[in-house]
């Protein structure tokens, strides 16, 4: 009887999911480029030209994400002791820049075609291609949403935001093609291209903000910080938490804090309490990298820049829970 292979660690499982979804996004981008190039040659539609240009940049963005998530998943080394997780944020910055460039190009073409409108030909072919493109893009966004719920990858989030914008843009393009080919209003086709440009510019702004927050070590959301504090204070032997610092490094949440413990207990007992607190936090955030410093109660250096959380004095003390023995939990960069 064979022994089943051990389940992958949460971080390894997340990296595997990001690698799979980035391969899929590259494949979809190639298919969409081929389809839209055919539709452009048949119809001459400016809105299809706009969405084709965007798909070319989609491929560049997807390739950037493809390589970025693999580099970000590389383990820590001598020169990158916190790992390479911020490579995902760099990927999102590149994607935002590509989307900005795409938006400017599309807007320029749309304005030119408004003053020099051209008829849309082969409307049936163009319409069929755009309907197929909408279906394929919607399927990819759905797959990326599933991967994002599992991994929280910033690079995948940027790629998904890009394709979600494309999905709405393709609907606008479809309206423009139908207007130009069947309603005799080529100006609407050009206007549709401009609407696509504005939509892409708005999406790129959001991507840029998310990447900047990541690179500038913005703290995790308040709800997560509260959950971390409550998990640590679940042990009545921990009297307070202060100097809590959090940030994201790719898919890893980096957590640092000081805790107040009884000044008269042994180092071994203090260590066991800290290990138990780390395990409770890891139960909430399995990919977290946690560093807890124990301070003797009553000897903590006052801090004015970082808020502290102390156990309410009125709360009755529960019997001390014996902390588990054994080695401290290892974070992904240990």
Foldseek 3Di string as FASTA:
>chain_A
DDDDDDDDFLLVVLLVLQLVLLVVQLVLLVVLLVLLVVQCVAWVFLLSVLLNLLSVLLNVLSVQSNVLSVQQSDAADPVRLVGQQLSLLVSLLSSLVSLLVSLVVLQVSLVVCLVVPDATGPLVSNLVSLVVSLVSLVVSLVSLVVSCVSQVFLNSVSSSLSSVLSNVLSVLQSVQSCCRHPVVCRNSSSVSSNVSSVSSNVSSVVSNVVSVCQVVFPFDDPVLVVQLQCLLVVFVQWFKKKPWGWHDRGREIETEIETEGAQPDDPQQVVLSVLQSVVSSCVVVVQYAYYYHYDYPPPDDDDDPIDMGGDDPPDDRDPGDRGDDDDRDHHSSD
